[in-house]
Amino acid sequence: MMPTAAFSTGPDVRAPWNRALVTGGAGFLGSRLCTRLVDSGVEVDCLDGPSAGRAGRVAHLTARRGFRFLEQDLLDLVGPGSAGALPGPYDLVLHLAGPSCPDAWPERPLALLDAGSLGTRTALAVADRYGARFLLASAPPAHHAASPCPHAGHHGPGELDGDPADPVGPHRVEAEATRFAEALVAAHAADHGTDAGIVRLFTAYGPGMRTDDGCVPGRFIAAALAGKPVVVAGDGSRTHSLCHVDDMVDGVLLVAAGRSVRPVDIGGDETPTELEIARHVAGLTGSGSPVIRAGVPADPPGPPRPVTGFAREIFGWMPRTTWREGLARTVASFRERTGPVPAAVAGGEGKRRT
C-alpha cells in the first residue's frame, strides 16, 4: 500500500514514473496534477486544446524543466498512427479529456460521444504504444437524478429520470459517453493486457475553481463575495459530498500508482447540507450576505455519495481536508483577486473536445 504522503510532500519526493502525458491537463484538476507530478520529478506533457486563457492555468510550469504544454485537440489525433504523433515515451497516461465533466456538451452531443469513444481509444493507444499505466478520469454513475455540480457528476435534479435505455434527454448522451469510455477501458485491459484503471471523481472544489457555472459551492462564494444574497435550493436540506482538489489529486495519483482495473471512487466523506455550506461561506466572506431559501418543499435526495472504502483499503487514501477548512482556504484565495473564474479558463477536465 502506498501512503498518501508520497504525493503530498513536495519536490523532495520521487514519484514512480519518469514521464507522463496528461490529457485535458490545463483544466482545474489537470493543472493541479501536472504541478504535483512536476514537483515529484516527473517530466510532463500537458495536452489541451486551444482555448483563450486556458493555458494560463499551467503558465507557472512553462519554465520548469521537463514540462511541455502541447496545444493540441486530442480528437485531431484520431486515426492510424495517432499514438506516434505525440513525443513520448510515457510510463503514465492520465486521461482527463473524456466526457466526464462537459462544459457545453448539451450543445455538442456528437463531440461528447467522440470524446468518450474516439478520444478515449486514442489515449489508450498512446498508453499501449509505450506500455504505460493508463487512468481514465470518469464520473459517478448517472442513472438517476444526479449531482448539481459539473466538476464531476453534474446533472440537475430529475434530468436523468426515466428509462435508462432511452437515448433521448438533455444529459443522456453524456451518461452514455461516460459509460462507453469506462467499458472501453475495461475491454482494452482484458483484450490487450493494458495496465488500465478508472477513477470516478465526485465534486471537487478549491482555489481556482469556477464560480460562474451555477454550482455549489462556487455560486455561493461568488454571491457572498459580491455582497449578494446566497440562495439555496428548496429548504436547503440537500447534502453535498465535497472533496478538496488537493485531496483529489492525492487520490488520483495513488490509484495511478496501483494496478487496479476496478473503478475507484474519489470524493468527500462529509455531507454538509446546502444550507450549512451557504451559511459557512457567507460567514467566511464577512460580507453580510443573507442566506435565502428558494422554496418551501424539501429538496429531492442529493447526488450520489462516493463509496470510498476501496480507495481506503487498497490505496490508503482518505480525504484529509474538512469541508469547513477547505472552504476557508478557497474563499481566502478568491479574496486575492476580483471577478469569477471564466468558463474559458476554469472548466473541469475534459469538458471540451480536448
Protein backbone atom coordinates (compact mmCIF):
# COMPACT_ATOMS: atom_id res chain seq x y z
CA MET A 1 0.00 0.00 0.00
CA MET A 2 1.43 3.36 -0.96
CA PRO A 3 0.95 6.12 1.64
CA THR A 4 -0.85 9.27 0.56
CA ALA A 5 2.11 11.33 1.77
CA ALA A 6 4.12 10.04 -1.17
CA PHE A 7 2.31 12.56 -3.32
CA SER A 8 1.88 15.41 -0.88
CA THR A 9 5.28 16.36 0.47
CA GLY A 10 6.56 18.38 -2.46
CA PRO A 11 9.57 18.19 -4.76
CA ASP A 12 11.71 16.06 -2.42
CA VAL A 13 9.54 13.00 -3.08
CA ARG A 14 10.15 10.97 -6.22
CA ALA A 15 7.07 9.60 -7.98
CA PRO A 16 7.21 6.10 -9.53
CA TRP A 17 7.08 7.44 -13.11
CA ASN A 18 9.61 9.13 -15.35
CA ARG A 19 7.37 10.74 -17.94
CA ALA A 20 3.63 11.35 -18.03
CA LEU A 21 1.01 12.52 -20.51
CA VAL A 22 -1.95 14.39 -19.03
CA THR A 23 -4.81 14.96 -21.49
CA GLY A 24 -7.06 17.84 -20.53
CA GLY A 25 -4.13 18.94 -18.39
CA ALA A 26 -4.82 22.67 -18.41
CA GLY A 27 -8.12 22.38 -16.55
CA PHE A 28 -8.89 22.79 -12.86
CA LEU A 29 -7.86 19.30 -11.74
CA GLY A 30 -5.47 18.63 -14.63
CA SER A 31 -3.29 21.64 -13.87
CA ARG A 32 -3.01 20.54 -10.23
CA LEU A 33 -2.00 17.06 -11.32
CA CYS A 34 0.62 18.45 -13.68
CA THR A 35 2.06 20.58 -10.90
CA ARG A 36 2.21 17.71 -8.43
CA LEU A 37 3.89 15.43 -10.97
CA VAL A 38 6.50 18.02 -11.92
CA ASP A 39 7.17 18.70 -8.23
CA SER A 40 7.70 14.94 -7.81
CA GLY A 41 10.37 14.81 -10.51
CA VAL A 42 8.19 13.58 -13.39
CA GLU A 43 8.54 15.00 -16.89
CA VAL A 44 5.06 16.03 -18.05
CA ASP A 45 3.47 16.61 -21.43
CA CYS A 46 0.25 18.54 -20.85
CA LEU A 47 -2.13 18.09 -23.79
CA ASP A 48 -5.02 20.51 -24.10
CA GLY A 49 -6.83 22.20 -26.95
CA PRO A 50 -6.66 25.86 -27.90
CA SER A 51 -8.88 27.96 -25.67
CA ALA A 52 -8.49 31.59 -24.70
CA GLY A 53 -6.89 31.79 -21.27
CA ARG A 54 -6.92 28.04 -20.56
CA ALA A 55 -3.16 27.76 -20.93
CA GLY A 56 -2.87 30.27 -18.11
CA ARG A 57 -3.54 27.50 -15.63
CA VAL A 58 -0.19 25.90 -16.42
CA ALA A 59 1.74 29.09 -17.18
CA HIS A 60 3.64 28.71 -13.90
CA LEU A 61 5.05 25.42 -15.20
CA THR A 62 6.29 26.52 -18.60
CA ALA A 63 9.71 27.45 -17.27
CA ARG A 64 10.04 24.25 -15.26
CA ARG A 65 12.41 21.61 -16.54
CA GLY A 66 10.66 18.65 -18.12
CA PHE A 67 7.29 20.34 -18.64
CA ARG A 68 5.78 20.86 -22.08
CA PHE A 69 2.41 22.30 -22.98
CA LEU A 70 1.06 20.70 -26.16
CA GLU A 71 -1.73 22.88 -27.53
CA GLN A 72 -3.49 20.15 -29.42
CA ASP A 73 -7.02 18.80 -29.55
CA LEU A 74 -6.94 15.09 -28.75
CA LEU A 75 -9.63 14.33 -31.33
CA ASP A 76 -7.43 15.84 -34.03
CA LEU A 77 -5.02 12.98 -33.36
CA VAL A 78 -7.60 10.28 -34.05
CA GLY A 79 -6.64 7.83 -36.80
CA PRO A 80 -3.89 5.39 -37.81
CA GLY A 81 -0.55 6.31 -36.33
CA SER A 82 -2.14 8.78 -33.92
CA ALA A 83 -0.28 7.36 -30.94
CA GLY A 84 3.03 8.19 -32.60
CA ALA A 85 2.07 11.82 -33.13
CA LEU A 86 2.91 12.61 -29.50
CA PRO A 87 6.52 12.94 -28.37
CA GLY A 88 6.59 10.06 -25.87
CA PRO A 89 7.72 7.79 -24.45
CA TYR A 90 5.42 7.72 -21.43
CA ASP A 91 5.03 5.41 -18.48
CA LEU A 92 1.83 7.13 -17.28
CA VAL A 93 -1.17 8.46 -19.23
CA LEU A 94 -3.78 10.36 -17.23
CA HIS A 95 -6.84 10.80 -19.42
CA LEU A 96 -8.86 13.77 -18.20
CA ALA A 97 -10.12 14.78 -21.63
CA GLY A 98 -13.08 12.42 -21.70
CA PRO A 99 -16.80 13.12 -21.32
CA SER A 100 -16.92 13.13 -17.53
CA CYS A 101 -17.16 16.88 -16.97
CA PRO A 102 -18.60 18.65 -20.01
CA ASP A 103 -18.81 22.44 -20.19
CA ALA A 104 -21.24 22.92 -23.07
CA TRP A 105 -21.85 19.33 -24.09
CA PRO A 106 -25.66 19.65 -24.36
CA GLU A 107 -24.98 21.87 -27.36
CA ARG A 108 -22.37 19.49 -28.82
CA PRO A 109 -23.62 15.93 -28.31
CA LEU A 110 -21.61 14.44 -31.17
CA ALA A 111 -18.39 15.93 -29.80
CA LEU A 112 -19.23 14.43 -26.41
CA LEU A 113 -19.73 10.98 -27.90
CA ASP A 114 -16.48 11.34 -29.84
CA ALA A 115 -14.66 12.28 -26.64
CA GLY A 116 -15.92 9.16 -24.87
CA SER A 117 -15.19 6.84 -27.76
CA LEU A 118 -12.55 8.07 -30.22
CA GLY A 119 -10.76 10.28 -27.70
CA THR A 120 -10.52 7.53 -25.10
CA ARG A 121 -9.42 4.98 -27.71
CA THR A 122 -6.66 7.35 -28.89
CA ALA A 123 -5.40 7.90 -25.36
CA LEU A 124 -5.42 4.14 -24.77
CA ALA A 125 -3.41 3.66 -27.98
CA VAL A 126 -0.77 6.03 -26.64
CA ALA A 127 -0.54 4.04 -23.42
CA ASP A 128 -0.31 0.76 -25.38
CA ARG A 129 2.41 2.10 -27.62
CA TYR A 130 4.69 2.79 -24.68
CA GLY A 131 3.45 0.19 -22.18
CA ALA A 132 2.26 2.96 -19.87
CA ARG A 133 -0.15 2.82 -16.97
CA PHE A 134 -3.46 4.34 -18.14
CA LEU A 135 -6.02 6.00 -15.90
CA LEU A 136 -9.41 7.31 -17.02
CA ALA A 137 -10.99 10.16 -15.07
CA SER A 138 -14.66 9.29 -15.08
CA ALA A 139 -17.82 10.46 -13.33
CA PRO A 140 -20.24 8.88 -10.84
CA PRO A 141 -22.86 6.58 -12.33
CA ALA A 142 -25.57 8.70 -13.91
CA HIS A 143 -28.70 6.60 -13.93
CA HIS A 144 -30.88 8.71 -11.67
CA ALA A 145 -31.43 12.29 -10.60
CA ALA A 146 -27.82 13.11 -10.14
CA SER A 147 -25.44 15.74 -8.94
CA PRO A 148 -25.73 19.51 -9.03
CA CYS A 149 -22.14 20.27 -9.93
CA PRO A 150 -20.28 19.98 -13.23
CA HIS A 151 -16.87 19.24 -11.79
CA ALA A 152 -17.80 15.55 -11.84
CA GLY A 153 -21.30 14.15 -11.70
CA HIS A 154 -23.14 17.25 -12.75
CA HIS A 155 -26.78 16.92 -13.66
CA GLY A 156 -29.72 18.84 -12.31
CA PRO A 157 -32.42 17.17 -10.24
CA GLY A 158 -34.59 14.83 -12.24
CA GLU A 159 -32.74 15.28 -15.50
CA LEU A 160 -31.90 11.60 -15.75
CA ASP A 161 -35.22 10.26 -14.51
CA GLY A 162 -36.95 7.71 -16.69
CA ASP A 163 -35.86 4.69 -18.65
CA PRO A 164 -32.04 4.36 -18.51
CA ALA A 165 -32.13 2.84 -22.00
CA ASP A 166 -33.90 5.85 -23.51
CA PRO A 167 -31.30 7.74 -25.62
CA VAL A 168 -33.31 10.98 -25.57
CA GLY A 169 -32.72 13.56 -22.86
CA PRO A 170 -30.59 16.62 -22.10
CA HIS A 171 -27.89 14.59 -20.36
CA ARG A 172 -28.46 11.08 -21.68
CA VAL A 173 -25.70 11.44 -24.28
CA GLU A 174 -23.25 12.41 -21.57
CA ALA A 175 -24.22 9.42 -19.44
CA GLU A 176 -23.79 7.00 -22.32
CA ALA A 177 -20.48 8.54 -23.40
CA THR A 178 -19.17 8.12 -19.87
CA ARG A 179 -20.41 4.52 -19.65
CA PHE A 180 -18.85 3.70 -23.01
CA ALA A 181 -15.49 5.22 -22.02
CA GLU A 182 -15.41 3.04 -18.91
CA ALA A 183 -16.46 -0.07 -20.83
CA LEU A 184 -13.78 0.65 -23.44
CA VAL A 185 -11.07 0.87 -20.79
CA ALA A 186 -12.17 -2.38 -19.16
CA ALA A 187 -12.35 -4.17 -22.53
CA HIS A 188 -8.96 -2.84 -23.55
CA ALA A 189 -7.42 -4.12 -20.34
CA ALA A 190 -8.99 -7.55 -20.90
CA ASP A 191 -8.18 -7.90 -24.60
CA HIS A 192 -4.83 -6.13 -24.84
CA GLY A 193 -3.47 -6.57 -21.34
CA THR A 194 -3.27 -2.81 -20.95
CA ASP A 195 -2.42 -1.67 -17.43
CA ALA A 196 -5.54 0.48 -17.23
CA GLY A 197 -7.75 1.80 -14.45
CA ILE A 198 -10.68 4.11 -13.78
CA VAL A 199 -11.27 6.76 -11.13
CA ARG A 200 -14.76 8.12 -10.62
CA LEU A 201 -14.37 11.69 -9.45
CA PHE A 202 -17.07 13.32 -7.36
CA THR A 203 -17.44 17.06 -6.75
CA ALA A 204 -14.07 18.81 -6.45
CA TYR A 205 -13.59 22.35 -5.19
CA GLY A 206 -10.74 24.61 -4.19
CA PRO A 207 -8.75 27.68 -5.23
CA GLY A 208 -9.13 28.33 -8.94
CA MET A 209 -12.46 26.57 -9.29
CA ARG A 210 -15.22 28.08 -11.40
CA THR A 211 -17.71 30.36 -9.70
CA ASP A 212 -19.88 31.20 -12.71
CA ASP A 213 -21.41 27.82 -13.50
CA GLY A 214 -24.28 27.88 -11.01
CA CYS A 215 -22.85 25.04 -8.91
CA VAL A 216 -22.27 24.51 -5.21
CA PRO A 217 -20.10 25.80 -3.61
CA GLY A 218 -18.82 28.09 -6.40
CA ARG A 219 -22.02 30.09 -6.84
CA PHE A 220 -22.27 30.63 -3.08
CA ILE A 221 -18.74 32.04 -2.98
CA ALA A 222 -19.37 34.33 -5.95
CA ALA A 223 -22.60 35.66 -4.48
CA ALA A 224 -21.20 36.22 -1.00
CA LEU A 225 -18.04 37.99 -2.22
CA ALA A 226 -20.24 40.26 -4.33
CA GLY A 227 -22.44 41.05 -1.34
CA LYS A 228 -25.46 39.43 -2.96
CA PRO A 229 -27.95 37.03 -1.34
CA VAL A 230 -26.78 33.42 -1.18
CA VAL A 231 -29.69 31.35 -2.49
CA VAL A 232 -30.13 27.70 -1.55
CA ALA A 233 -32.48 25.34 -3.36
CA GLY A 234 -35.73 24.38 -1.67
CA ASP A 235 -35.34 24.17 2.09
CA GLY A 236 -31.55 23.73 1.86
CA SER A 237 -31.60 20.14 3.09
CA ARG A 238 -29.91 18.58 0.08
CA THR A 239 -26.49 17.26 1.03
CA HIS A 240 -23.27 17.63 -0.93
CA SER A 241 -20.17 15.45 -0.92
CA LEU A 242 -17.29 17.89 -1.39
CA CYS A 243 -13.66 16.90 -1.99
CA HIS A 244 -10.88 19.46 -1.82
CA VAL A 245 -8.84 19.44 -5.01
CA ASP A 246 -5.58 18.63 -3.19
CA ASP A 247 -7.14 15.51 -1.70
CA MET A 248 -8.49 14.54 -5.11
CA VAL A 249 -5.02 14.87 -6.64
CA ASP A 250 -3.69 12.55 -3.92
CA GLY A 251 -6.38 10.01 -4.71
CA VAL A 252 -5.87 10.07 -8.47
CA LEU A 253 -2.13 9.57 -8.17
CA LEU A 254 -2.45 6.79 -5.63
CA VAL A 255 -4.79 4.89 -7.96
CA ALA A 256 -2.45 5.63 -10.86
CA ALA A 257 0.41 4.06 -8.91
CA GLY A 258 -1.58 0.85 -8.44
CA ARG A 259 -2.76 -1.75 -10.93
CA SER A 260 -6.49 -1.82 -10.27
CA VAL A 261 -8.89 -2.06 -13.20
CA ARG A 262 -11.94 -1.79 -10.98
CA PRO A 263 -13.40 1.75 -10.83
CA VAL A 264 -12.34 3.61 -7.69
CA ASP A 265 -14.46 6.36 -6.15
CA ILE A 266 -12.61 9.51 -5.10
CA GLY A 267 -14.72 12.05 -3.25
CA GLY A 268 -15.51 13.64 0.08
CA ASP A 269 -16.87 11.65 3.01
CA GLU A 270 -18.58 14.53 4.81
CA THR A 271 -22.06 15.50 3.63
CA PRO A 272 -22.95 19.01 4.78
CA THR A 273 -26.32 20.36 3.75
CA GLU A 274 -26.63 23.13 1.21
CA LEU A 275 -27.85 25.42 3.97
CA GLU A 276 -24.79 24.66 6.11
CA ILE A 277 -22.45 25.35 3.20
CA ALA A 278 -24.18 28.61 2.32
CA ARG A 279 -24.10 29.89 5.89
CA HIS A 280 -20.45 28.95 6.31
CA VAL A 281 -19.46 30.69 3.07
CA ALA A 282 -21.41 33.80 4.00
CA GLY A 283 -19.66 33.89 7.36
CA LEU A 284 -16.20 33.39 5.83
CA THR A 285 -16.62 36.31 3.45
CA GLY A 286 -17.87 38.65 6.17
CA SER A 287 -20.00 40.35 3.55
CA GLY A 288 -23.24 40.18 5.45
CA SER A 289 -24.92 38.43 2.56
CA PRO A 290 -28.23 36.92 3.62
CA VAL A 291 -28.91 33.23 3.03
CA ILE A 292 -32.25 32.79 1.27
CA ARG A 293 -34.27 29.62 0.73
CA ALA A 294 -35.65 29.38 -2.80
CA GLY A 295 -38.65 27.22 -1.89
CA VAL A 296 -40.59 25.57 0.88
CA PRO A 297 -40.74 21.89 -0.15
CA ALA A 298 -37.89 19.64 0.84
CA ASP A 299 -35.31 19.06 -1.86
CA PRO A 300 -35.07 15.73 -3.67
CA PRO A 301 -32.26 13.46 -2.47
CA GLY A 302 -28.79 14.79 -3.10
CA PRO A 303 -26.29 13.47 -5.62
CA PRO A 304 -24.80 10.00 -5.18
CA ARG A 305 -22.16 9.73 -2.48
CA PRO A 306 -18.76 8.23 -3.20
CA VAL A 307 -18.09 4.79 -1.78
CA THR A 308 -14.51 5.29 -0.67
CA GLY A 309 -13.90 2.01 1.18
CA PHE A 310 -11.98 0.52 -1.76
CA ALA A 311 -9.77 3.61 -2.02
CA ARG A 312 -9.05 3.42 1.70
CA GLU A 313 -8.38 -0.31 1.94
CA ILE A 314 -6.38 -0.83 -1.24
CA PHE A 315 -4.71 2.53 -1.82
CA GLY A 316 -4.55 4.01 1.66
CA TRP A 317 -6.41 7.13 0.55
CA MET A 318 -8.81 9.23 2.53
CA PRO A 319 -9.75 12.91 2.28
CA ARG A 320 -7.81 14.89 4.86
CA THR A 321 -9.33 18.35 4.39
CA THR A 322 -12.61 19.02 6.18
CA TRP A 323 -15.20 20.89 4.17
CA ARG A 324 -15.05 23.84 6.57
CA GLU A 325 -11.26 24.08 6.34
CA GLY A 326 -11.30 23.64 2.58
CA LEU A 327 -13.90 26.36 2.07
CA ALA A 328 -11.91 28.72 4.28
CA ARG A 329 -8.86 28.22 2.07
CA THR A 330 -10.92 28.58 -1.08
CA VAL A 331 -12.62 31.80 -0.01
CA ALA A 332 -9.27 33.24 1.07
CA SER A 333 -7.84 32.52 -2.37
CA PHE A 334 -10.71 34.32 -4.08
CA ARG A 335 -10.24 37.37 -1.88
CA GLU A 336 -6.87 37.86 -3.55
CA ARG A 337 -8.44 38.54 -6.94
CA THR A 338 -11.57 40.03 -8.36
CA GLY A 339 -14.24 38.53 -10.57
CA PRO A 340 -15.28 34.94 -11.23
CA VAL A 341 -13.13 32.40 -12.96
CA PRO A 342 -14.47 32.48 -16.53
CA ALA A 343 -15.60 29.30 -18.22
CA ALA A 344 -12.88 29.60 -20.86
CA VAL A 345 -10.15 29.02 -18.31
CA ALA A 346 -11.74 27.12 -15.49
CA GLY A 347 -13.88 24.23 -16.62
CA GLY A 348 -13.49 20.73 -15.30
CA GLU A 349 -11.21 18.40 -17.16
CA GLY A 350 -12.43 17.09 -20.49
CA LYS A 351 -15.31 19.48 -20.74
CA ARG A 352 -14.46 20.34 -24.27
CA ARG A 353 -13.08 18.27 -27.11
CA THR A 354 -9.67 18.01 -25.53
